[in-house]
Amino acid sequence: MADVPVVRHNEPAQRFEADVDGRLALATYRRDGDVLLMTHTEVPPAAQGRGIAAALVAAALQWARAEGLRVRPLCSYVAAYMRRHPDTQDLLAGR
């Protein structure tokens, strides 16, 4: 995954983002009190399969953990990522 770009948190836009081949990859969220609603993940089609979405979601979940937030995955990719990574299960809202 050496070609995975640097992920940055664009808090005013409520998203984690990365520049990929001149296009923007992103994972968007909304905050509802102490719950982070992960709403959408998008990677340009030509850049899919390179671990970019995983890097975006991992950064978002790391931030949620640091902020003491719970996560509600409204995006199917985020839900699948959290199922594949048992170490994130404690972040799920409603547990």
PDB file of N, CA and C in Angstrom:
ATOM      1  N   MET A   1       0.824  -1.199   0.000  1.00  0.00           N
ATOM      2  CA  MET A   1       0.000   0.000   0.000  1.00  0.00           C
ATOM      3  C   MET A   1       0.864   1.256   0.000  1.00  0.00           C
ATOM      4  N   ALA A   2       2.003   1.195  -0.602  1.00  0.00           N
ATOM      5  CA  ALA A   2       2.912   2.333  -0.620  1.00  0.00           C
ATOM      6  C   ALA A   2       2.324   3.524  -1.365  1.00  0.00           C
ATOM      7  N   ASP A   3       1.385   3.282  -2.275  1.00  0.00           N
ATOM      8  CA  ASP A   3       0.831   4.383  -3.053  1.00  0.00           C
ATOM      9  C   ASP A   3      -0.448   4.958  -2.444  1.00  0.00           C
ATOM     10  N   VAL A   4      -0.780   4.564  -1.217  1.00  0.00           N
ATOM     11  CA  VAL A   4      -1.939   5.151  -0.547  1.00  0.00           C
ATOM     12  C   VAL A   4      -1.572   6.573  -0.131  1.00  0.00           C
ATOM     13  N   PRO A   5      -2.380   7.551  -0.537  1.00  0.00           N
ATOM     14  CA  PRO A   5      -2.046   8.949  -0.258  1.00  0.00           C
ATOM     15  C   PRO A   5      -2.264   9.313   1.210  1.00  0.00           C
ATOM     16  N   VAL A   6      -1.757  10.466   1.564  1.00  0.00           N
ATOM     17  CA  VAL A   6      -1.939  11.005   2.909  1.00  0.00           C
ATOM     18  C   VAL A   6      -3.406  11.399   3.084  1.00  0.00           C
ATOM     19  N   VAL A   7      -3.992  10.958   4.194  1.00  0.00           N
ATOM     20  CA  VAL A   7      -5.376  11.286   4.512  1.00  0.00           C
ATOM     21  C   VAL A   7      -5.383  12.500   5.440  1.00  0.00           C
ATOM     22  N   ARG A   8      -6.234  13.453   5.131  1.00  0.00           N
ATOM     23  CA  ARG A   8      -6.363  14.630   5.998  1.00  0.00           C
ATOM     24  C   ARG A   8      -7.821  14.760   6.450  1.00  0.00           C
ATOM     25  N   HIS A   9      -8.000  15.351   7.623  1.00  0.00           N
ATOM     26  CA  HIS A   9      -9.329  15.583   8.174  1.00  0.00           C
ATOM     27  C   HIS A   9      -9.744  17.004   7.822  1.00  0.00           C
ATOM     28  N   ASN A  10     -10.773  17.131   7.007  1.00  0.00           N
ATOM     29  CA  ASN A  10     -11.331  18.427   6.644  1.00  0.00           C
ATOM     30  C   ASN A  10     -12.573  18.611   7.512  1.00  0.00           C
ATOM     31  N   GLU A  11     -12.348  19.067   8.739  1.00  0.00           N
ATOM     32  CA  GLU A  11     -13.447  19.151   9.703  1.00  0.00           C
ATOM     33  C   GLU A  11     -14.563  20.097   9.271  1.00  0.00           C
ATOM     34  N   PRO A  12     -14.261  21.281   8.696  1.00  0.00           N
ATOM     35  CA  PRO A  12     -15.364  22.145   8.251  1.00  0.00           C
ATOM     36  C   PRO A  12     -16.276  21.462   7.220  1.00  0.00           C
ATOM     37  N   ALA A  13     -15.713  20.615   6.374  1.00  0.00           N
ATOM     38  CA  ALA A  13     -16.505  19.907   5.360  1.00  0.00           C
ATOM     39  C   ALA A  13     -17.046  18.571   5.887  1.00  0.00           C
ATOM     40  N   GLN A  14     -16.698  18.212   7.116  1.00  0.00           N
ATOM     41  CA  GLN A  14     -17.113  16.963   7.747  1.00  0.00           C
ATOM     42  C   GLN A  14     -16.744  15.749   6.895  1.00  0.00           C
ATOM     43  N   ARG A  15     -15.446  15.655   6.590  1.00  0.00           N
ATOM     44  CA  ARG A  15     -14.988  14.515   5.811  1.00  0.00           C
ATOM     45  C   ARG A  15     -13.492  14.296   5.998  1.00  0.00           C
ATOM     46  N   PHE A  16     -13.099  13.059   5.738  1.00  0.00           N
ATOM     47  CA  PHE A  16     -11.695  12.692   5.631  1.00  0.00           C
ATOM     48  C   PHE A  16     -11.442  12.579   4.143  1.00  0.00           C
ATOM     49  N   GLU A  17     -10.310  13.090   3.680  1.00  0.00           N
ATOM     50  CA  GLU A  17     -10.094  13.165   2.241  1.00  0.00           C
ATOM     51  C   GLU A  17      -8.633  12.934   1.895  1.00  0.00           C
ATOM     52  N   ALA A  18      -8.439  12.587   0.633  1.00  0.00           N
ATOM     53  CA  ALA A  18      -7.094  12.371   0.104  1.00  0.00           C
ATOM     54  C   ALA A  18      -7.117  12.687  -1.389  1.00  0.00           C
ATOM     55  N   ASP A  19      -6.030  13.268  -1.871  1.00  0.00           N
ATOM     56  CA  ASP A  19      -5.882  13.515  -3.302  1.00  0.00           C
ATOM     57  C   ASP A  19      -5.340  12.247  -3.943  1.00  0.00           C
ATOM     58  N   VAL A  20      -6.033  11.785  -4.976  1.00  0.00           N
ATOM     59  CA  VAL A  20      -5.648  10.550  -5.662  1.00  0.00           C
ATOM     60  C   VAL A  20      -5.644  10.819  -7.161  1.00  0.00           C
ATOM     61  N   ASP A  21      -4.470  10.808  -7.742  1.00  0.00           N
ATOM     62  CA  ASP A  21      -4.360  10.992  -9.195  1.00  0.00           C
ATOM     63  C   ASP A  21      -5.123  12.234  -9.668  1.00  0.00           C
ATOM     64  N   GLY A  22      -5.024  13.321  -8.894  1.00  0.00           N
ATOM     65  CA  GLY A  22      -5.680  14.569  -9.276  1.00  0.00           C
ATOM     66  C   GLY A  22      -7.162  14.622  -8.962  1.00  0.00           C
ATOM     67  N   ARG A  23      -7.697  13.607  -8.313  1.00  0.00           N
ATOM     68  CA  ARG A  23      -9.118  13.570  -7.935  1.00  0.00           C
ATOM     69  C   ARG A  23      -9.209  13.436  -6.421  1.00  0.00           C
ATOM     70  N   LEU A  24     -10.397  13.660  -5.889  1.00  0.00           N
ATOM     71  CA  LEU A  24     -10.596  13.620  -4.448  1.00  0.00           C
ATOM     72  C   LEU A  24     -11.282  12.316  -4.037  1.00  0.00           C
ATOM     73  N   ALA A  25     -10.700  11.626  -3.070  1.00  0.00           N
ATOM     74  CA  ALA A  25     -11.320  10.467  -2.428  1.00  0.00           C
ATOM     75  C   ALA A  25     -11.786  10.951  -1.060  1.00  0.00           C
ATOM     76  N   LEU A  26     -12.933  10.460  -0.596  1.00  0.00           N
ATOM     77  CA  LEU A  26     -13.444  10.993   0.661  1.00  0.00           C
ATOM     78  C   LEU A  26     -14.306   9.999   1.425  1.00  0.00           C
ATOM     79  N   ALA A  27     -14.374  10.249   2.718  1.00  0.00           N
ATOM     80  CA  ALA A  27     -15.289   9.551   3.620  1.00  0.00           C
ATOM     81  C   ALA A  27     -15.989  10.641   4.419  1.00  0.00           C
ATOM     82  N   THR A  28     -17.285  10.784   4.216  1.00  0.00           N
ATOM     83  CA  THR A  28     -18.030  11.875   4.841  1.00  0.00           C
ATOM     84  C   THR A  28     -18.738  11.398   6.101  1.00  0.00           C
ATOM     85  N   TYR A  29     -19.003  12.359   6.965  1.00  0.00           N
ATOM     86  CA  TYR A  29     -19.685  12.050   8.220  1.00  0.00           C
ATOM     87  C   TYR A  29     -20.530  13.228   8.671  1.00  0.00           C
ATOM     88  N   ARG A  30     -21.398  12.951   9.637  1.00  0.00           N
ATOM     89  CA  ARG A  30     -22.128  13.979  10.390  1.00  0.00           C
ATOM     90  C   ARG A  30     -21.994  13.611  11.860  1.00  0.00           C
ATOM     91  N   ARG A  31     -21.930  14.613  12.703  1.00  0.00           N
ATOM     92  CA  ARG A  31     -21.921  14.349  14.146  1.00  0.00           C
ATOM     93  C   ARG A  31     -23.311  14.556  14.692  1.00  0.00           C
ATOM     94  N   ASP A  32     -23.731  13.634  15.541  1.00  0.00           N
ATOM     95  CA  ASP A  32     -25.007  13.744  16.239  1.00  0.00           C
ATOM     96  C   ASP A  32     -24.693  13.516  17.713  1.00  0.00           C
ATOM     97  N   GLY A  33     -24.386  14.605  18.408  1.00  0.00           N
ATOM     98  CA  GLY A  33     -23.956  14.493  19.795  1.00  0.00           C
ATOM     99  C   GLY A  33     -22.629  13.760  19.857  1.00  0.00           C
ATOM    100  N   ASP A  34     -22.616  12.626  20.579  1.00  0.00           N
ATOM    101  CA  ASP A  34     -21.374  11.860  20.702  1.00  0.00           C
ATOM    102  C   ASP A  34     -21.332  10.678  19.734  1.00  0.00           C
ATOM    103  N   VAL A  35     -22.155  10.753  18.677  1.00  0.00           N
ATOM    104  CA  VAL A  35     -22.177   9.699  17.651  1.00  0.00           C
ATOM    105  C   VAL A  35     -21.699  10.273  16.324  1.00  0.00           C
ATOM    106  N   LEU A  36     -20.780   9.548  15.703  1.00  0.00           N
ATOM    107  CA  LEU A  36     -20.276   9.907  14.383  1.00  0.00           C
ATOM    108  C   LEU A  36     -21.046   9.072  13.366  1.00  0.00           C
ATOM    109  N   LEU A  37     -21.850   9.716  12.556  1.00  0.00           N
ATOM    110  CA  LEU A  37     -22.613   9.037  11.511  1.00  0.00           C
ATOM    111  C   LEU A  37     -21.764   9.020  10.250  1.00  0.00           C
ATOM    112  N   MET A  38     -21.236   7.874   9.907  1.00  0.00           N
ATOM    113  CA  MET A  38     -20.411   7.746   8.700  1.00  0.00           C
ATOM    114  C   MET A  38     -21.364   7.547   7.527  1.00  0.00           C
ATOM    115  N   THR A  39     -21.445   8.541   6.641  1.00  0.00           N
ATOM    116  CA  THR A  39     -22.505   8.573   5.634  1.00  0.00           C
ATOM    117  C   THR A  39     -22.105   8.119   4.232  1.00  0.00           C
ATOM    118  N   HIS A  40     -20.838   8.265   3.853  1.00  0.00           N
ATOM    119  CA  HIS A  40     -20.489   7.963   2.460  1.00  0.00           C
ATOM    120  C   HIS A  40     -18.981   7.816   2.320  1.00  0.00           C
ATOM    121  N   THR A  41     -18.567   6.881   1.494  1.00  0.00           N
ATOM    122  CA  THR A  41     -17.160   6.720   1.140  1.00  0.00           C
ATOM    123  C   THR A  41     -17.087   6.674  -0.382  1.00  0.00           C
ATOM    124  N   GLU A  42     -16.150   7.431  -0.941  1.00  0.00           N
ATOM    125  CA  GLU A  42     -16.043   7.501  -2.405  1.00  0.00           C
ATOM    126  C   GLU A  42     -14.577   7.590  -2.824  1.00  0.00           C
ATOM    127  N   VAL A  43     -14.211   6.713  -3.750  1.00  0.00           N
ATOM    128  CA  VAL A  43     -12.862   6.707  -4.322  1.00  0.00           C
ATOM    129  C   VAL A  43     -13.035   6.740  -5.838  1.00  0.00           C
ATOM    130  N   PRO A  44     -12.264   7.569  -6.543  1.00  0.00           N
ATOM    131  CA  PRO A  44     -12.372   7.594  -8.008  1.00  0.00           C
ATOM    132  C   PRO A  44     -12.219   6.172  -8.575  1.00  0.00           C
ATOM    133  N   PRO A  45     -13.049   5.804  -9.560  1.00  0.00           N
ATOM    134  CA  PRO A  45     -13.020   4.434 -10.101  1.00  0.00           C
ATOM    135  C   PRO A  45     -11.629   3.945 -10.500  1.00  0.00           C
ATOM    136  N   ALA A  46     -10.833   4.787 -11.106  1.00  0.00           N
ATOM    137  CA  ALA A  46      -9.504   4.359 -11.556  1.00  0.00           C
ATOM    138  C   ALA A  46      -8.566   4.054 -10.386  1.00  0.00           C
ATOM    139  N   ALA A  47      -8.905   4.526  -9.181  1.00  0.00           N
ATOM    140  CA  ALA A  47      -8.046   4.333  -8.017  1.00  0.00           C
ATOM    141  C   ALA A  47      -8.570   3.273  -7.057  1.00  0.00           C
ATOM    142  N   GLN A  48      -9.671   2.629  -7.402  1.00  0.00           N
ATOM    143  CA  GLN A  48     -10.238   1.629  -6.504  1.00  0.00           C
ATOM    144  C   GLN A  48      -9.338   0.399  -6.433  1.00  0.00           C
ATOM    145  N   GLY A  49      -9.413  -0.301  -5.316  1.00  0.00           N
ATOM    146  CA  GLY A  49      -8.626  -1.508  -5.134  1.00  0.00           C
ATOM    147  C   GLY A  49      -7.213  -1.264  -4.634  1.00  0.00           C
ATOM    148  N   ARG A  50      -6.919  -0.037  -4.233  1.00  0.00           N
ATOM    149  CA  ARG A  50      -5.572   0.312  -3.767  1.00  0.00           C
ATOM    150  C   ARG A  50      -5.521   0.564  -2.263  1.00  0.00           C
ATOM    151  N   GLY A  51      -6.611   0.295  -1.548  1.00  0.00           N
ATOM    152  CA  GLY A  51      -6.634   0.486  -0.101  1.00  0.00           C
ATOM    153  C   GLY A  51      -6.939   1.906   0.337  1.00  0.00           C
ATOM    154  N   ILE A  52      -7.378   2.736  -0.582  1.00  0.00           N
ATOM    155  CA  ILE A  52      -7.612   4.142  -0.264  1.00  0.00           C
ATOM    156  C   ILE A  52      -8.846   4.308   0.620  1.00  0.00           C
ATOM    157  N   ALA A  53      -9.937   3.632   0.292  1.00  0.00           N
ATOM    158  CA  ALA A  53     -11.142   3.720   1.118  1.00  0.00           C
ATOM    159  C   ALA A  53     -10.848   3.221   2.526  1.00  0.00           C
ATOM    160  N   ALA A  54     -10.100   2.138   2.627  1.00  0.00           N
ATOM    161  CA  ALA A  54      -9.740   1.602   3.946  1.00  0.00           C
ATOM    162  C   ALA A  54      -8.929   2.616   4.738  1.00  0.00           C
ATOM    163  N   ALA A  55      -8.010   3.310   4.081  1.00  0.00           N
ATOM    164  CA  ALA A  55      -7.198   4.321   4.764  1.00  0.00           C
ATOM    165  C   ALA A  55      -8.061   5.477   5.259  1.00  0.00           C
ATOM    166  N   LEU A  56      -9.032   5.894   4.451  1.00  0.00           N
ATOM    167  CA  LEU A  56      -9.944   6.968   4.851  1.00  0.00           C
ATOM    168  C   LEU A  56     -10.763   6.564   6.067  1.00  0.00           C
ATOM    169  N   VAL A  57     -11.329   5.365   6.019  1.00  0.00           N
ATOM    170  CA  VAL A  57     -12.172   4.890   7.117  1.00  0.00           C
ATOM    171  C   VAL A  57     -11.344   4.660   8.374  1.00  0.00           C
ATOM    172  N   ALA A  58     -10.159   4.099   8.220  1.00  0.00           N
ATOM    173  CA  ALA A  58      -9.293   3.887   9.385  1.00  0.00           C
ATOM    174  C   ALA A  58      -8.973   5.214  10.067  1.00  0.00           C
ATOM    175  N   ALA A  59      -8.705   6.244   9.281  1.00  0.00           N
ATOM    176  CA  ALA A  59      -8.400   7.561   9.854  1.00  0.00           C
ATOM    177  C   ALA A  59      -9.621   8.120  10.583  1.00  0.00           C
ATOM    178  N   ALA A  60     -10.796   7.963   9.993  1.00  0.00           N
ATOM    179  CA  ALA A  60     -12.027   8.452  10.627  1.00  0.00           C
ATOM    180  C   ALA A  60     -12.284   7.728  11.942  1.00  0.00           C
ATOM    181  N   LEU A  61     -12.098   6.416  11.949  1.00  0.00           N
ATOM    182  CA  LEU A  61     -12.343   5.645  13.171  1.00  0.00           C
ATOM    183  C   LEU A  61     -11.307   5.961  14.248  1.00  0.00           C
ATOM    184  N   GLN A  62     -10.084   6.189  13.824  1.00  0.00           N
ATOM    185  CA  GLN A  62      -9.039   6.572  14.786  1.00  0.00           C
ATOM    186  C   GLN A  62      -9.392   7.912  15.428  1.00  0.00           C
ATOM    187  N   TRP A  63      -9.863   8.835  14.630  1.00  0.00           N
ATOM    188  CA  TRP A  63     -10.265  10.146  15.149  1.00  0.00           C
ATOM    189  C   TRP A  63     -11.455  10.004  16.092  1.00  0.00           C
ATOM    190  N   ALA A  64     -12.451   9.188  15.697  1.00  0.00           N
ATOM    191  CA  ALA A  64     -13.623   8.973  16.553  1.00  0.00           C
ATOM    192  C   ALA A  64     -13.187   8.428  17.912  1.00  0.00           C
ATOM    193  N   ARG A  65     -12.292   7.460  17.899  1.00  0.00           N
ATOM    194  CA  ARG A  65     -11.796   6.876  19.151  1.00  0.00           C
ATOM    195  C   ARG A  65     -11.106   7.944  20.003  1.00  0.00           C
ATOM    196  N   ALA A  66     -10.259   8.759  19.395  1.00  0.00           N
ATOM    197  CA  ALA A  66      -9.537   9.803  20.125  1.00  0.00           C
ATOM    198  C   ALA A  66     -10.486  10.845  20.713  1.00  0.00           C
ATOM    199  N   GLU A  67     -11.606  11.080  20.033  1.00  0.00           N
ATOM    200  CA  GLU A  67     -12.591  12.067  20.478  1.00  0.00           C
ATOM    201  C   GLU A  67     -13.617  11.474  21.447  1.00  0.00           C
ATOM    202  N   GLY A  68     -13.563  10.167  21.682  1.00  0.00           N
ATOM    203  CA  GLY A  68     -14.531   9.523  22.563  1.00  0.00           C
ATOM    204  C   GLY A  68     -15.909   9.370  21.942  1.00  0.00           C
ATOM    205  N   LEU A  69     -15.958   9.273  20.612  1.00  0.00           N
ATOM    206  CA  LEU A  69     -17.232   9.160  19.901  1.00  0.00           C
ATOM    207  C   LEU A  69     -17.585   7.703  19.624  1.00  0.00           C
ATOM    208  N   ARG A  70     -18.858   7.437  19.484  1.00  0.00           N
ATOM    209  CA  ARG A  70     -19.348   6.162  18.978  1.00  0.00           C
ATOM    210  C   ARG A  70     -19.582   6.348  17.483  1.00  0.00           C
ATOM    211  N   VAL A  71     -19.656   5.251  16.749  1.00  0.00           N
ATOM    212  CA  VAL A  71     -19.801   5.320  15.291  1.00  0.00           C
ATOM    213  C   VAL A  71     -21.048   4.567  14.858  1.00  0.00           C
ATOM    214  N   ARG A  72     -21.822   5.191  13.990  1.00  0.00           N
ATOM    215  CA  ARG A  72     -22.952   4.520  13.354  1.00  0.00           C
ATOM    216  C   ARG A  72     -22.644   4.488  11.853  1.00  0.00           C
ATOM    217  N   PRO A  73     -22.318   3.307  11.305  1.00  0.00           N
ATOM    218  CA  PRO A  73     -21.962   3.215   9.883  1.00  0.00           C
ATOM    219  C   PRO A  73     -23.209   3.197   8.987  1.00  0.00           C
ATOM    220  N   LEU A  74     -23.546   4.338   8.411  1.00  0.00           N
ATOM    221  CA  LEU A  74     -24.668   4.427   7.479  1.00  0.00           C
ATOM    222  C   LEU A  74     -24.218   4.087   6.060  1.00  0.00           C
ATOM    223  N   CYS A  75     -22.931   4.068   5.847  1.00  0.00           N
ATOM    224  CA  CYS A  75     -22.326   3.711   4.563  1.00  0.00           C
ATOM    225  C   CYS A  75     -22.014   2.213   4.584  1.00  0.00           C
ATOM    226  N   SER A  76     -22.391   1.506   3.530  1.00  0.00           N
ATOM    227  CA  SER A  76     -22.174   0.055   3.496  1.00  0.00           C
ATOM    228  C   SER A  76     -20.691  -0.296   3.545  1.00  0.00           C
ATOM    229  N   TYR A  77     -19.834   0.531   2.954  1.00  0.00           N
ATOM    230  CA  TYR A  77     -18.399   0.239   3.005  1.00  0.00           C
ATOM    231  C   TYR A  77     -17.884   0.330   4.443  1.00  0.00           C
ATOM    232  N   VAL A  78     -18.297   1.352   5.166  1.00  0.00           N
ATOM    233  CA  VAL A  78     -17.847   1.508   6.554  1.00  0.00           C
ATOM    234  C   VAL A  78     -18.339   0.334   7.398  1.00  0.00           C
ATOM    235  N   ALA A  79     -19.585  -0.084   7.185  1.00  0.00           N
ATOM    236  CA  ALA A  79     -20.127  -1.234   7.927  1.00  0.00           C
ATOM    237  C   ALA A  79     -19.306  -2.484   7.634  1.00  0.00           C
ATOM    238  N   ALA A  80     -18.973  -2.713   6.373  1.00  0.00           N
ATOM    239  CA  ALA A  80     -18.172  -3.885   5.991  1.00  0.00           C
ATOM    240  C   ALA A  80     -16.768  -3.785   6.583  1.00  0.00           C
ATOM    241  N   TYR A  81     -16.178  -2.602   6.550  1.00  0.00           N
ATOM    242  CA  TYR A  81     -14.841  -2.405   7.117  1.00  0.00           C
ATOM    243  C   TYR A  81     -14.852  -2.760   8.602  1.00  0.00           C
ATOM    244  N   MET A  82     -15.859  -2.285   9.316  1.00  0.00           N
ATOM    245  CA  MET A  82     -15.919  -2.536  10.755  1.00  0.00           C
ATOM    246  C   MET A  82     -16.159  -4.017  11.058  1.00  0.00           C
ATOM    247  N   ARG A  83     -16.910  -4.702  10.203  1.00  0.00           N
ATOM    248  CA  ARG A  83     -17.088  -6.155  10.384  1.00  0.00           C
ATOM    249  C   ARG A  83     -15.768  -6.888  10.183  1.00  0.00           C
ATOM    250  N   ARG A  84     -14.958  -6.432   9.223  1.00  0.00           N
ATOM    251  CA  ARG A  84     -13.671  -7.080   8.935  1.00  0.00           C
ATOM    252  C   ARG A  84     -12.586  -6.751   9.953  1.00  0.00           C
ATOM    253  N   HIS A  85     -12.809  -5.726  10.759  1.00  0.00           N
ATOM    254  CA  HIS A  85     -11.814  -5.287  11.744  1.00  0.00           C
ATOM    255  C   HIS A  85     -12.441  -5.335  13.141  1.00  0.00           C
ATOM    256  N   PRO A  86     -12.361  -6.491  13.796  1.00  0.00           N
ATOM    257  CA  PRO A  86     -12.989  -6.654  15.110  1.00  0.00           C
ATOM    258  C   PRO A  86     -12.525  -5.629  16.150  1.00  0.00           C
ATOM    259  N   ASP A  87     -11.330  -5.082  15.974  1.00  0.00           N
ATOM    260  CA  ASP A  87     -10.834  -4.093  16.929  1.00  0.00           C
ATOM    261  C   ASP A  87     -11.611  -2.782  16.873  1.00  0.00           C
ATOM    262  N   THR A  88     -12.521  -2.633  15.909  1.00  0.00           N
ATOM    263  CA  THR A  88     -13.343  -1.420  15.827  1.00  0.00           C
ATOM    264  C   THR A  88     -14.746  -1.621  16.409  1.00  0.00           C
ATOM    265  N   GLN A  89     -15.082  -2.853  16.777  1.00  0.00           N
ATOM    266  CA  GLN A  89     -16.440  -3.151  17.234  1.00  0.00           C
ATOM    267  C   GLN A  89     -16.848  -2.354  18.465  1.00  0.00           C
ATOM    268  N   ASP A  90     -15.903  -2.025  19.326  1.00  0.00           N
ATOM    269  CA  ASP A  90     -16.234  -1.271  20.523  1.00  0.00           C
ATOM    270  C   ASP A  90     -16.668   0.160  20.207  1.00  0.00           C
ATOM    271  N   LEU A  91     -16.445   0.616  18.989  1.00  0.00           N
ATOM    272  CA  LEU A  91     -16.853   1.965  18.591  1.00  0.00           C
ATOM    273  C   LEU A  91     -18.305   2.033  18.150  1.00  0.00           C
ATOM    274  N   LEU A  92     -18.925   0.895  17.863  1.00  0.00           N
ATOM    275  CA  LEU A  92     -20.284   0.886  17.326  1.00  0.00           C
ATOM    276  C   LEU A  92     -21.267   1.514  18.305  1.00  0.00           C
ATOM    277  N   ALA A  93     -22.071   2.419  17.808  1.00  0.00           N
ATOM    278  CA  ALA A  93     -23.109   3.055  18.619  1.00  0.00           C
ATOM    279  C   ALA A  93     -24.167   2.012  18.981  1.00  0.00           C
ATOM    280  N   GLY A  94     -24.715   2.135  20.165  1.00  0.00           N
ATOM    281  CA  GLY A  94     -25.759   1.209  20.581  1.00  0.00           C
ATOM    282  C   GLY A  94     -25.270  -0.062  21.213  1.00  0.00           C
ATOM    283  N   ARG A  95     -23.961  -0.147  21.452  1.00  0.00           N
ATOM    284  CA  ARG A  95     -23.411  -1.348  22.092  1.00  0.00           C
ATOM    285  C   ARG A  95     -23.254  -1.102  23.565  1.00  0.00           C
TER     286      ARG A  95
END
